[in-house]
């Protein structure tokens, strides 16, 4: 449990309203379970205005703050929220820990205490220590725990008075998410999400209207964010030749090549949907649309993405799947109810 003097005084039975802060909120995938369950007070913070525009359009009642969290004082958050948060969720940048990053093999201490975005993990811990929420959950790539990362995280939490930190490794597709995604959720709670079978690619996107030349033979139905992204003729030739599970393009990471523009296999769970990657439709010779990316990340069609197309792809790929957010929120609810 989180151990603070403040928490000894504030019990769930005494809470009149539940307040939530979403740090590094992006478009709002992580908020999906928490906003609808705990809607009394809600603050989203991010530096990306395009992502915040999407957030605001989907959560119109939320308070939005565009700010560099590394320069943000905790008292300002408390003032904007109207009191200390009961729940803090956060998704600090993980690029420096991604295996696709050439620097991912350097010791964690050089990244966390360096000048890059990895240092924002320290600011997340600082804010949690200052605000003393009843529950906190930080999402990041699993590789953040390697090369000394786990010890650094424990040490930094102890520095702010949190002595019990749980590292919950969650494979999203094992809990029903249509695409694979391994992430660690660092929390003061042990998270045990229910298992459920994930739908295949075609089960997830197969009922969306066809696009391109295929649309000629099917009456067009308008679906938000479901538009063809044009590609050049030479790339189209490569797309046509690409088989299921293979990539039409590749990028180099150190001494190895990693596929991109993968043609998804229709009857399997999708590979991980990342912000900078693109994917080919199982049957049509085109890239997946933003809506298809969103479907594979468990977003409902009612969730609308705004801004330039590349930003929309990134908003989807850099988020926590809403399905996983809702399952975690249920765990948090059970924990708080158990304190009554």
Protein backbone atom coordinates (compact mmCIF):
# COMPACT_ATOMS: atom_id res chain seq x y z
CA UNK A 1 0.00 0.00 0.00
CA UNK A 2 0.96 3.64 -0.39
CA UNK A 3 2.20 4.85 2.98
CA UNK A 4 1.72 8.55 3.74
CA UNK A 5 0.37 10.40 6.76
CA UNK A 6 -2.22 12.08 4.54
CA UNK A 7 -3.58 8.73 3.41
CA UNK A 8 -4.13 7.66 6.99
CA UNK A 9 -6.56 10.53 7.36
CA UNK A 10 -8.38 10.31 4.01
CA UNK A 11 -10.37 7.11 3.65
CA UNK A 12 -12.68 6.19 0.73
CA UNK A 13 -15.71 6.43 3.02
CA UNK A 14 -14.86 10.09 3.56
CA UNK A 15 -14.49 10.97 -0.14
CA UNK A 16 -17.32 13.10 -1.50
CA UNK A 17 -15.96 13.06 -5.06
CA UNK A 18 -13.24 11.18 -6.86
CA UNK A 19 -10.55 13.27 -8.56
CA UNK A 20 -8.26 11.91 -11.30
CA UNK A 21 -5.14 13.27 -13.01
CA UNK A 22 -3.91 11.80 -16.30
CA UNK A 23 -0.26 12.79 -16.88
CA UNK A 24 1.07 12.46 -20.45
CA UNK A 25 -2.55 11.88 -21.39
CA UNK A 26 -2.13 11.84 -25.16
CA UNK A 27 -5.45 11.32 -26.91
CA UNK A 28 -7.03 9.73 -23.84
CA UNK A 29 -6.82 5.94 -24.10
CA UNK A 30 -5.68 5.53 -20.49
CA UNK A 31 -8.47 7.78 -19.27
CA UNK A 32 -11.21 5.65 -20.84
CA UNK A 33 -11.93 3.51 -17.78
CA UNK A 34 -11.24 6.14 -15.17
CA UNK A 35 -13.17 9.12 -16.51
CA UNK A 36 -16.42 7.24 -16.87
CA UNK A 37 -16.09 5.58 -13.46
CA UNK A 38 -14.65 8.59 -11.62
CA UNK A 39 -16.05 11.67 -13.33
CA UNK A 40 -16.29 14.15 -10.45
CA UNK A 41 -12.98 15.86 -11.17
CA UNK A 42 -10.63 15.13 -14.05
CA UNK A 43 -7.44 16.82 -15.29
CA UNK A 44 -5.44 15.82 -18.38
CA UNK A 45 -1.88 17.07 -18.92
CA UNK A 46 0.25 16.76 -22.05
CA UNK A 47 2.61 18.87 -24.14
CA UNK A 48 1.15 17.78 -27.50
CA UNK A 49 -1.61 20.20 -28.43
CA UNK A 50 -2.85 18.00 -31.28
CA UNK A 51 -3.36 15.07 -28.92
CA UNK A 52 -5.03 17.35 -26.37
CA UNK A 53 -7.44 18.58 -29.04
CA UNK A 54 -8.52 14.97 -29.59
CA UNK A 55 -8.74 14.50 -25.83
CA UNK A 56 -10.93 17.55 -25.38
CA UNK A 57 -13.29 16.52 -28.17
CA UNK A 58 -13.86 13.12 -26.54
CA UNK A 59 -13.84 14.27 -22.90
CA UNK A 60 -15.49 17.70 -23.06
CA UNK A 61 -15.91 17.93 -19.29
CA UNK A 62 -12.21 17.42 -18.54
CA UNK A 63 -9.84 20.22 -17.56
CA UNK A 64 -7.01 20.33 -20.11
CA UNK A 65 -3.50 21.61 -19.46
CA UNK A 66 -0.80 21.90 -22.13
CA UNK A 67 2.44 21.95 -20.18
CA UNK A 68 5.93 20.46 -19.99
CA UNK A 69 5.55 18.16 -16.99
CA UNK A 70 9.23 18.56 -16.25
CA UNK A 71 8.53 22.23 -15.46
CA UNK A 72 5.21 21.69 -13.71
CA UNK A 73 4.74 22.31 -9.98
CA UNK A 74 2.42 19.92 -8.15
CA UNK A 75 0.55 22.74 -6.41
CA UNK A 76 -0.67 23.99 -9.78
CA UNK A 77 -2.17 20.59 -10.53
CA UNK A 78 -3.89 20.54 -7.16
CA UNK A 79 -5.32 24.00 -7.74
CA UNK A 80 -6.62 23.17 -11.23
CA UNK A 81 -8.20 19.95 -10.02
CA UNK A 82 -9.82 21.55 -6.99
CA UNK A 83 -7.96 19.40 -4.48
CA UNK A 84 -5.50 16.56 -4.30
CA UNK A 85 -6.17 13.70 -6.73
CA UNK A 86 -7.31 10.35 -5.44
CA UNK A 87 -5.96 8.62 -8.55
CA UNK A 88 -2.98 9.48 -10.75
CA UNK A 89 -2.42 7.67 -14.03
CA UNK A 90 0.57 8.42 -16.25
CA UNK A 91 2.31 7.32 -19.45
CA UNK A 92 5.71 9.07 -19.53
CA UNK A 93 7.66 8.83 -22.81
CA UNK A 94 9.20 5.42 -23.44
CA UNK A 95 11.14 5.96 -26.69
CA UNK A 96 14.54 5.76 -24.97
CA UNK A 97 13.64 2.35 -23.53
CA UNK A 98 12.07 0.89 -26.67
CA UNK A 99 14.00 -2.00 -28.20
CA UNK A 100 13.66 -0.22 -31.54
CA UNK A 101 15.86 2.58 -30.18
CA UNK A 102 19.61 2.17 -30.88
CA UNK A 103 20.36 3.53 -27.38
CA UNK A 104 18.18 0.95 -25.63
CA UNK A 105 21.19 -1.12 -24.55
CA UNK A 106 22.80 1.67 -22.54
CA UNK A 107 22.43 1.45 -18.72
CA UNK A 108 19.11 2.79 -17.47
CA UNK A 109 20.91 5.21 -15.14
CA UNK A 110 22.35 7.06 -18.14
CA UNK A 111 18.90 7.50 -19.65
CA UNK A 112 16.79 8.25 -16.56
CA UNK A 113 19.29 10.76 -15.17
CA UNK A 114 20.27 12.11 -18.58
CA UNK A 115 18.92 15.00 -20.64
CA UNK A 116 16.44 13.05 -22.78
CA UNK A 117 12.74 12.41 -22.28
CA UNK A 118 13.40 9.37 -20.03
CA UNK A 119 14.01 11.82 -17.17
CA UNK A 120 10.29 12.60 -17.21
CA UNK A 121 9.80 9.36 -15.29
CA UNK A 122 11.45 11.14 -12.34
CA UNK A 123 9.00 14.04 -12.64
CA UNK A 124 6.11 11.58 -12.65
CA UNK A 125 7.38 10.04 -9.41
CA UNK A 126 7.98 13.52 -7.95
CA UNK A 127 4.38 14.57 -8.63
CA UNK A 128 3.00 11.34 -7.18
CA UNK A 129 5.09 11.88 -4.07
CA UNK A 130 3.88 15.46 -3.73
CA UNK A 131 0.18 14.77 -4.29
CA UNK A 132 -0.07 11.46 -2.39
CA UNK A 133 -2.92 9.83 -4.32
CA UNK A 134 -4.69 6.77 -2.98
CA UNK A 135 -3.77 4.92 -6.17
CA UNK A 136 -1.24 5.55 -8.90
CA UNK A 137 -0.61 3.62 -12.11
CA UNK A 138 2.29 4.38 -14.46
CA UNK A 139 2.40 2.72 -17.89
CA UNK A 140 5.62 2.13 -19.81
CA UNK A 141 7.47 -0.39 -21.95
CA UNK A 142 8.65 -3.52 -20.15
CA UNK A 143 12.26 -2.78 -21.09
CA UNK A 144 12.27 0.12 -18.63
CA UNK A 145 12.90 -2.44 -15.89
CA UNK A 146 16.09 -3.74 -17.52
CA UNK A 147 19.70 -2.57 -17.15
CA UNK A 148 19.08 -1.39 -13.59
CA UNK A 149 15.78 0.35 -14.31
CA UNK A 150 13.74 -1.51 -11.69
CA UNK A 151 16.18 -0.61 -8.90
CA UNK A 152 16.16 3.05 -9.97
CA UNK A 153 12.36 3.17 -9.90
CA UNK A 154 12.18 1.55 -6.45
CA UNK A 155 14.84 3.93 -5.13
CA UNK A 156 13.11 7.02 -6.51
CA UNK A 157 9.76 5.99 -5.05
CA UNK A 158 11.39 5.37 -1.66
CA UNK A 159 12.83 8.86 -1.90
CA UNK A 160 9.28 10.31 -2.00
CA UNK A 161 7.96 7.99 0.73
CA UNK A 162 6.45 5.15 -1.29
CA UNK A 163 7.87 1.83 -0.14
CA UNK A 164 5.59 -0.70 -1.81
CA UNK A 165 5.78 -0.61 -5.62
CA UNK A 166 4.32 -3.33 -7.81
CA UNK A 167 5.53 -4.04 -11.35
CA UNK A 168 2.58 -5.50 -13.28
CA UNK A 169 3.57 -6.96 -16.66
CA UNK A 170 0.47 -7.03 -18.86
CA UNK A 171 0.19 -8.59 -22.31
CA UNK A 172 -2.85 -6.81 -23.71
CA UNK A 173 -4.00 -9.54 -26.11
CA UNK A 174 -4.29 -12.02 -23.22
CA UNK A 175 -7.04 -9.80 -21.83
CA UNK A 176 -9.02 -9.36 -25.02
CA UNK A 177 -7.18 -6.56 -26.84
CA UNK A 178 -7.12 -7.19 -30.63
CA UNK A 179 -3.37 -6.48 -30.90
CA UNK A 180 -0.32 -7.63 -29.00
CA UNK A 181 1.17 -5.14 -26.57
CA UNK A 182 3.49 -5.87 -23.65
CA UNK A 183 3.64 -3.08 -21.09
CA UNK A 184 4.53 -2.70 -17.43
CA UNK A 185 2.05 -0.90 -15.17
CA UNK A 186 3.90 0.39 -12.12
CA UNK A 187 1.50 0.87 -9.22
CA UNK A 188 0.91 0.67 -5.51
CA UNK A 189 -1.55 -2.13 -6.38
CA UNK A 190 -1.09 -5.66 -7.65
CA UNK A 191 -3.16 -5.78 -10.84
CA UNK A 192 -4.76 -9.12 -11.80
CA UNK A 193 -6.72 -8.62 -14.97
CA UNK A 194 -9.18 -11.27 -16.16
CA UNK A 195 -8.16 -13.39 -19.13
CA UNK A 196 -10.25 -13.35 -22.28
CA UNK A 197 -9.66 -14.38 -25.89
CA UNK A 198 -8.66 -11.60 -28.26
CA UNK A 199 -10.44 -11.26 -31.61
CA UNK A 200 -8.50 -11.77 -34.84
CA UNK A 201 -7.64 -8.96 -37.22
CA UNK A 202 -10.52 -9.71 -39.56
CA UNK A 203 -12.95 -10.04 -36.65
CA UNK A 204 -11.85 -6.58 -35.51
CA UNK A 205 -11.86 -4.65 -38.78
CA UNK A 206 -13.67 -6.90 -41.27
CA UNK A 207 -17.02 -5.12 -40.98
CA UNK A 208 -15.58 -1.71 -41.90
CA UNK A 209 -16.48 -0.58 -45.43
CA UNK A 210 -13.86 -1.40 -48.10
CA UNK A 211 -11.84 1.47 -49.52
CA UNK A 212 -10.04 2.29 -52.74
CA UNK A 213 -11.04 0.28 -55.80
CA UNK A 214 -12.85 -2.22 -53.56
CA UNK A 215 -15.31 0.50 -52.55
CA UNK A 216 -16.68 0.64 -56.10
CA UNK A 217 -18.51 -2.61 -55.56
CA UNK A 218 -19.89 -1.75 -52.11
CA UNK A 219 -22.13 1.18 -51.15
CA UNK A 220 -19.99 3.56 -49.13
CA UNK A 221 -20.77 4.09 -45.46
CA UNK A 222 -19.09 6.95 -43.68
CA UNK A 223 -17.02 5.86 -40.69
CA UNK A 224 -14.98 8.49 -38.81
CA UNK A 225 -11.21 8.38 -39.44
CA UNK A 226 -11.65 5.67 -42.08
CA UNK A 227 -9.98 7.12 -45.17
CA UNK A 228 -7.33 5.77 -47.53
CA UNK A 229 -3.86 7.15 -47.08
CA UNK A 230 -2.40 7.59 -50.60
CA UNK A 231 0.98 6.01 -51.33
CA UNK A 232 3.32 6.32 -54.31
CA UNK A 233 3.21 3.86 -57.21
CA UNK A 234 6.55 2.27 -56.32
CA UNK A 235 5.39 1.63 -52.75
CA UNK A 236 2.09 0.27 -54.03
CA UNK A 237 4.01 -2.27 -56.11
CA UNK A 238 5.80 -3.48 -52.97
CA UNK A 239 2.53 -3.59 -51.05
CA UNK A 240 0.97 -5.81 -53.73
CA UNK A 241 3.83 -8.29 -53.41
CA UNK A 242 3.83 -8.41 -49.61
CA UNK A 243 2.49 -11.58 -48.00
CA UNK A 244 0.77 -11.98 -44.65
CA UNK A 245 3.20 -11.44 -41.80
CA UNK A 246 5.87 -9.86 -44.01
CA UNK A 247 6.93 -6.21 -44.27
CA UNK A 248 6.98 -4.11 -47.42
CA UNK A 249 9.57 -1.84 -45.79
CA UNK A 250 12.22 -2.13 -43.07
CA UNK A 251 14.28 0.06 -40.79
CA UNK A 252 17.68 -0.54 -39.25
CA UNK A 253 18.30 -0.86 -35.51
CA UNK A 254 22.00 -1.34 -34.84
CA UNK A 255 23.02 -4.45 -36.74
CA UNK A 256 19.55 -5.81 -37.46
CA UNK A 257 16.67 -5.01 -39.75
CA UNK A 258 13.13 -4.66 -38.41
CA UNK A 259 10.07 -4.93 -40.69
CA UNK A 260 7.60 -2.12 -41.21
CA UNK A 261 4.47 -1.90 -43.33
CA UNK A 262 3.57 -5.45 -42.26
CA UNK A 263 0.62 -7.10 -43.98
CA UNK A 264 -1.50 -8.36 -41.12
CA UNK A 265 -2.67 -11.97 -41.11
CA UNK A 266 -6.49 -11.97 -41.10
CA UNK A 267 -7.06 -14.89 -38.73
CA UNK A 268 -4.47 -14.00 -36.11
CA UNK A 269 -4.25 -11.40 -33.37
CA UNK A 270 -2.60 -8.27 -34.74
CA UNK A 271 1.03 -7.48 -34.13
CA UNK A 272 1.68 -4.52 -31.82
CA UNK A 273 0.23 -1.25 -33.14
CA UNK A 274 2.88 1.45 -32.72
CA UNK A 275 2.63 5.14 -33.47
CA UNK A 276 5.39 5.38 -36.07
CA UNK A 277 4.62 2.06 -37.79
CA UNK A 278 2.11 1.42 -40.55
CA UNK A 279 0.35 -1.81 -41.48
CA UNK A 280 -1.12 -3.29 -44.65
CA UNK A 281 -4.69 -4.53 -44.88
CA UNK A 282 -4.94 -8.35 -45.01
CA UNK A 283 -6.76 -8.37 -48.38
CA UNK A 284 -6.77 -4.84 -49.81
CA UNK A 285 -3.57 -3.36 -51.28
CA UNK A 286 -3.40 -0.34 -49.01
CA UNK A 287 -2.28 0.81 -45.58
CA UNK A 288 -4.69 0.51 -42.69
CA UNK A 289 -6.68 3.60 -41.89
CA UNK A 290 -6.57 5.43 -38.55
CA UNK A 291 -9.92 3.83 -37.68
CA UNK A 292 -8.54 0.36 -38.36
CA UNK A 293 -5.55 1.13 -36.12
CA UNK A 294 -8.02 2.32 -33.49
CA UNK A 295 -10.15 -0.82 -33.79
CA UNK A 296 -7.03 -2.95 -33.23
CA UNK A 297 -6.34 -0.93 -30.08
CA UNK A 298 -9.92 -1.47 -28.78
CA UNK A 299 -11.14 2.10 -29.38
CA UNK A 300 -14.89 2.37 -30.09
CA UNK A 301 -15.92 4.03 -33.35
CA UNK A 302 -17.47 6.84 -31.30
CA UNK A 303 -13.96 7.94 -30.25
CA UNK A 304 -12.93 10.55 -32.81
CA UNK A 305 -9.33 11.47 -33.67
CA UNK A 306 -8.51 14.98 -34.85
CA UNK A 307 -5.52 16.73 -36.41
CA UNK A 308 -3.17 15.74 -39.26
CA UNK A 309 -3.31 12.09 -40.28
CA UNK A 310 0.21 11.25 -39.08
CA UNK A 311 -0.63 12.73 -35.68
CA UNK A 312 -3.80 10.63 -35.53
CA UNK A 313 -1.82 7.45 -36.20
CA UNK A 314 0.61 8.44 -33.45
CA UNK A 315 -2.21 9.25 -31.02
CA UNK A 316 -3.57 5.74 -31.44
CA UNK A 317 -0.26 3.89 -31.34
CA UNK A 318 1.18 5.71 -28.33
CA UNK A 319 -1.86 5.16 -26.12
CA UNK A 320 -3.03 2.61 -23.58
CA UNK A 321 -5.80 0.49 -25.15
CA UNK A 322 -9.14 1.61 -23.66
CA UNK A 323 -10.04 -2.02 -22.94
CA UNK A 324 -6.97 -2.36 -20.71
CA UNK A 325 -7.75 0.97 -19.04
CA UNK A 326 -11.24 -0.23 -18.17
CA UNK A 327 -9.97 -3.49 -16.70
CA UNK A 328 -7.41 -1.63 -14.60
CA UNK A 329 -10.06 0.85 -13.47
CA UNK A 330 -12.18 -2.07 -12.24
CA UNK A 331 -9.23 -3.29 -10.18
CA UNK A 332 -8.82 0.19 -8.71
CA UNK A 333 -12.54 0.37 -7.92
CA UNK A 334 -12.41 -3.00 -6.15
CA UNK A 335 -9.44 -1.84 -4.11
CA UNK A 336 -11.12 1.40 -3.04
CA UNK A 337 -14.40 -0.39 -2.28
CA UNK A 338 -12.47 -2.84 -0.12
CA UNK A 339 -11.26 0.07 2.01
CA UNK A 340 -14.86 0.96 3.00
